[in-house]
């Protein structure tokens, strides 16, 4: 099982978990209680119940670099291009935009 903290505007918004059944995204209760809480994306409206998928959610998959930048990441960190969660956790600490993914140690 691997997990990544999902941050929005430098605030921890939730946790993305990969397990044997697939992927789970769960908003942090503290984040949901904030007056200025914004959804991670339109596909993840603010709610207490978990989002579950057999595959990595398209929004998170879309954060992973592509093309020559992905090639560089794979070579430098010796990453498997099919390990989408590993790529997300390694390359998305400082994404363009307001989302960051930090590996939960």
C-alpha atoms as a PDB file:
ATOM      1  CA  UNK A   1       0.000   0.000   0.000  1.00  0.00           C
ATOM      2  CA  UNK A   2       1.292   3.435  -0.955  1.00  0.00           C
ATOM      3  CA  UNK A   3      -0.117   6.815  -0.003  1.00  0.00           C
ATOM      4  CA  UNK A   4       0.328  10.391  -1.068  1.00  0.00           C
ATOM      5  CA  UNK A   5      -0.849  13.535   0.653  1.00  0.00           C
ATOM      6  CA  UNK A   6      -2.711  15.840  -1.713  1.00  0.00           C
ATOM      7  CA  UNK A   7      -2.091  19.531  -1.063  1.00  0.00           C
ATOM      8  CA  UNK A   8      -4.108  22.464  -2.455  1.00  0.00           C
ATOM      9  CA  UNK A   9      -2.675  25.969  -2.082  1.00  0.00           C
ATOM     10  CA  UNK A  10      -0.180  24.675   0.525  1.00  0.00           C
ATOM     11  CA  UNK A  11      -2.932  23.112   2.661  1.00  0.00           C
ATOM     12  CA  UNK A  12      -3.284  19.365   3.099  1.00  0.00           C
ATOM     13  CA  UNK A  13      -6.553  18.537   1.366  1.00  0.00           C
ATOM     14  CA  UNK A  14      -6.624  14.762   1.488  1.00  0.00           C
ATOM     15  CA  UNK A  15      -4.963  11.404   0.969  1.00  0.00           C
ATOM     16  CA  UNK A  16      -4.611   9.285  -2.150  1.00  0.00           C
ATOM     17  CA  UNK A  17      -4.106   5.593  -1.376  1.00  0.00           C
ATOM     18  CA  UNK A  18      -3.120   2.754  -3.678  1.00  0.00           C
ATOM     19  CA  UNK A  19      -3.967  -0.761  -2.472  1.00  0.00           C
ATOM     20  CA  UNK A  20      -4.542  -4.187  -4.038  1.00  0.00           C
ATOM     21  CA  UNK A  21      -8.087  -3.254  -5.108  1.00  0.00           C
ATOM     22  CA  UNK A  22      -7.220   0.100  -6.706  1.00  0.00           C
ATOM     23  CA  UNK A  23      -7.195   3.710  -5.561  1.00  0.00           C
ATOM     24  CA  UNK A  24      -8.996   5.727  -2.903  1.00  0.00           C
ATOM     25  CA  UNK A  25      -9.074   9.495  -2.521  1.00  0.00           C
ATOM     26  CA  UNK A  26     -10.383  10.860   0.773  1.00  0.00           C
ATOM     27  CA  UNK A  27     -10.627  14.525   1.762  1.00  0.00           C
ATOM     28  CA  UNK A  28      -9.144  15.464   5.126  1.00  0.00           C
ATOM     29  CA  UNK A  29     -11.883  16.387   7.620  1.00  0.00           C
ATOM     30  CA  UNK A  30      -9.934  19.446   8.776  1.00  0.00           C
ATOM     31  CA  UNK A  31      -9.678  20.648   5.184  1.00  0.00           C
ATOM     32  CA  UNK A  32     -13.413  20.151   4.630  1.00  0.00           C
ATOM     33  CA  UNK A  33     -14.146  22.315   7.664  1.00  0.00           C
ATOM     34  CA  UNK A  34     -12.208  25.274   6.237  1.00  0.00           C
ATOM     35  CA  UNK A  35     -14.350  28.148   5.017  1.00  0.00           C
ATOM     36  CA  UNK A  36     -12.148  28.632   1.951  1.00  0.00           C
ATOM     37  CA  UNK A  37     -11.779  24.931   1.048  1.00  0.00           C
ATOM     38  CA  UNK A  38     -11.757  24.371  -2.695  1.00  0.00           C
ATOM     39  CA  UNK A  39     -12.142  21.039  -4.477  1.00  0.00           C
ATOM     40  CA  UNK A  40      -9.017  19.320  -5.772  1.00  0.00           C
ATOM     41  CA  UNK A  41     -10.771  19.261  -9.154  1.00  0.00           C
ATOM     42  CA  UNK A  42     -14.275  19.364 -10.593  1.00  0.00           C
ATOM     43  CA  UNK A  43     -14.244  15.563 -10.582  1.00  0.00           C
ATOM     44  CA  UNK A  44     -13.662  15.559  -6.803  1.00  0.00           C
ATOM     45  CA  UNK A  45     -16.356  17.763  -5.241  1.00  0.00           C
ATOM     46  CA  UNK A  46     -15.960  18.453  -1.544  1.00  0.00           C
ATOM     47  CA  UNK A  47     -17.500  15.532   0.354  1.00  0.00           C
ATOM     48  CA  UNK A  48     -16.793  13.300   3.335  1.00  0.00           C
ATOM     49  CA  UNK A  49     -17.226  10.003   1.489  1.00  0.00           C
ATOM     50  CA  UNK A  50     -14.282   8.448  -0.334  1.00  0.00           C
ATOM     51  CA  UNK A  51     -13.774   8.318  -4.083  1.00  0.00           C
ATOM     52  CA  UNK A  52     -12.852   4.802  -5.243  1.00  0.00           C
ATOM     53  CA  UNK A  53     -11.480   3.580  -8.581  1.00  0.00           C
ATOM     54  CA  UNK A  54      -9.790   0.453  -9.918  1.00  0.00           C
ATOM     55  CA  UNK A  55      -7.424   2.677 -11.938  1.00  0.00           C
ATOM     56  CA  UNK A  56      -5.551   5.838 -11.036  1.00  0.00           C
ATOM     57  CA  UNK A  57      -8.048   8.696 -11.263  1.00  0.00           C
ATOM     58  CA  UNK A  58      -7.636  10.595 -14.567  1.00  0.00           C
ATOM     59  CA  UNK A  59      -7.100  13.901 -12.729  1.00  0.00           C
ATOM     60  CA  UNK A  60      -4.087  12.556 -10.827  1.00  0.00           C
ATOM     61  CA  UNK A  61      -2.770  10.693 -13.871  1.00  0.00           C
ATOM     62  CA  UNK A  62      -2.907  13.985 -15.763  1.00  0.00           C
ATOM     63  CA  UNK A  63      -0.472  15.566 -13.292  1.00  0.00           C
ATOM     64  CA  UNK A  64       2.293  13.153 -14.333  1.00  0.00           C
ATOM     65  CA  UNK A  65       4.783  14.670 -16.809  1.00  0.00           C
ATOM     66  CA  UNK A  66       4.732  13.552 -20.423  1.00  0.00           C
ATOM     67  CA  UNK A  67       7.125  13.371 -23.356  1.00  0.00           C
ATOM     68  CA  UNK A  68      10.757  14.348 -22.881  1.00  0.00           C
ATOM     69  CA  UNK A  69      10.162  15.413 -19.269  1.00  0.00           C
ATOM     70  CA  UNK A  70       8.788  11.962 -18.431  1.00  0.00           C
ATOM     71  CA  UNK A  71      11.789  10.377 -20.181  1.00  0.00           C
ATOM     72  CA  UNK A  72      14.167  12.414 -18.016  1.00  0.00           C
ATOM     73  CA  UNK A  73      12.272  11.491 -14.820  1.00  0.00           C
ATOM     74  CA  UNK A  74      12.306   7.799 -15.724  1.00  0.00           C
ATOM     75  CA  UNK A  75      16.038   7.809 -16.445  1.00  0.00           C
ATOM     76  CA  UNK A  76      17.078   9.917 -13.438  1.00  0.00           C
ATOM     77  CA  UNK A  77      14.962   8.086 -10.866  1.00  0.00           C
ATOM     78  CA  UNK A  78      14.877   4.712 -12.669  1.00  0.00           C
ATOM     79  CA  UNK A  79      11.075   4.653 -12.635  1.00  0.00           C
ATOM     80  CA  UNK A  80       8.862   2.148 -14.398  1.00  0.00           C
ATOM     81  CA  UNK A  81       6.621   4.030 -16.885  1.00  0.00           C
ATOM     82  CA  UNK A  82       3.740   1.673 -15.989  1.00  0.00           C
ATOM     83  CA  UNK A  83       3.983   2.527 -12.270  1.00  0.00           C
ATOM     84  CA  UNK A  84       1.674   5.536 -12.422  1.00  0.00           C
ATOM     85  CA  UNK A  85       1.449   5.931  -8.624  1.00  0.00           C
ATOM     86  CA  UNK A  86       5.241   5.823  -8.348  1.00  0.00           C
ATOM     87  CA  UNK A  87       5.549   8.462 -11.057  1.00  0.00           C
ATOM     88  CA  UNK A  88       2.935  10.632  -9.354  1.00  0.00           C
ATOM     89  CA  UNK A  89       4.626  10.408  -5.949  1.00  0.00           C
ATOM     90  CA  UNK A  90       8.081  11.099  -7.376  1.00  0.00           C
ATOM     91  CA  UNK A  91       7.409  13.829  -9.920  1.00  0.00           C
ATOM     92  CA  UNK A  92       4.448  15.793  -8.567  1.00  0.00           C
ATOM     93  CA  UNK A  93       5.786  17.419  -5.421  1.00  0.00           C
ATOM     94  CA  UNK A  94       5.865  20.757  -7.237  1.00  0.00           C
ATOM     95  CA  UNK A  95       3.324  20.657 -10.074  1.00  0.00           C
ATOM     96  CA  UNK A  96       2.295  23.581 -12.201  1.00  0.00           C
ATOM     97  CA  UNK A  97      -0.816  25.006 -10.573  1.00  0.00           C
ATOM     98  CA  UNK A  98      -2.131  24.704  -7.047  1.00  0.00           C
ATOM     99  CA  UNK A  99      -1.817  20.919  -6.492  1.00  0.00           C
ATOM    100  CA  UNK A 100       1.115  19.104  -4.878  1.00  0.00           C
ATOM    101  CA  UNK A 101       1.491  15.399  -4.094  1.00  0.00           C
ATOM    102  CA  UNK A 102       3.764  14.439  -1.201  1.00  0.00           C
ATOM    103  CA  UNK A 103       4.588  10.807  -0.497  1.00  0.00           C
ATOM    104  CA  UNK A 104       3.295   9.732   2.916  1.00  0.00           C
ATOM    105  CA  UNK A 105       6.251   8.013   4.554  1.00  0.00           C
END
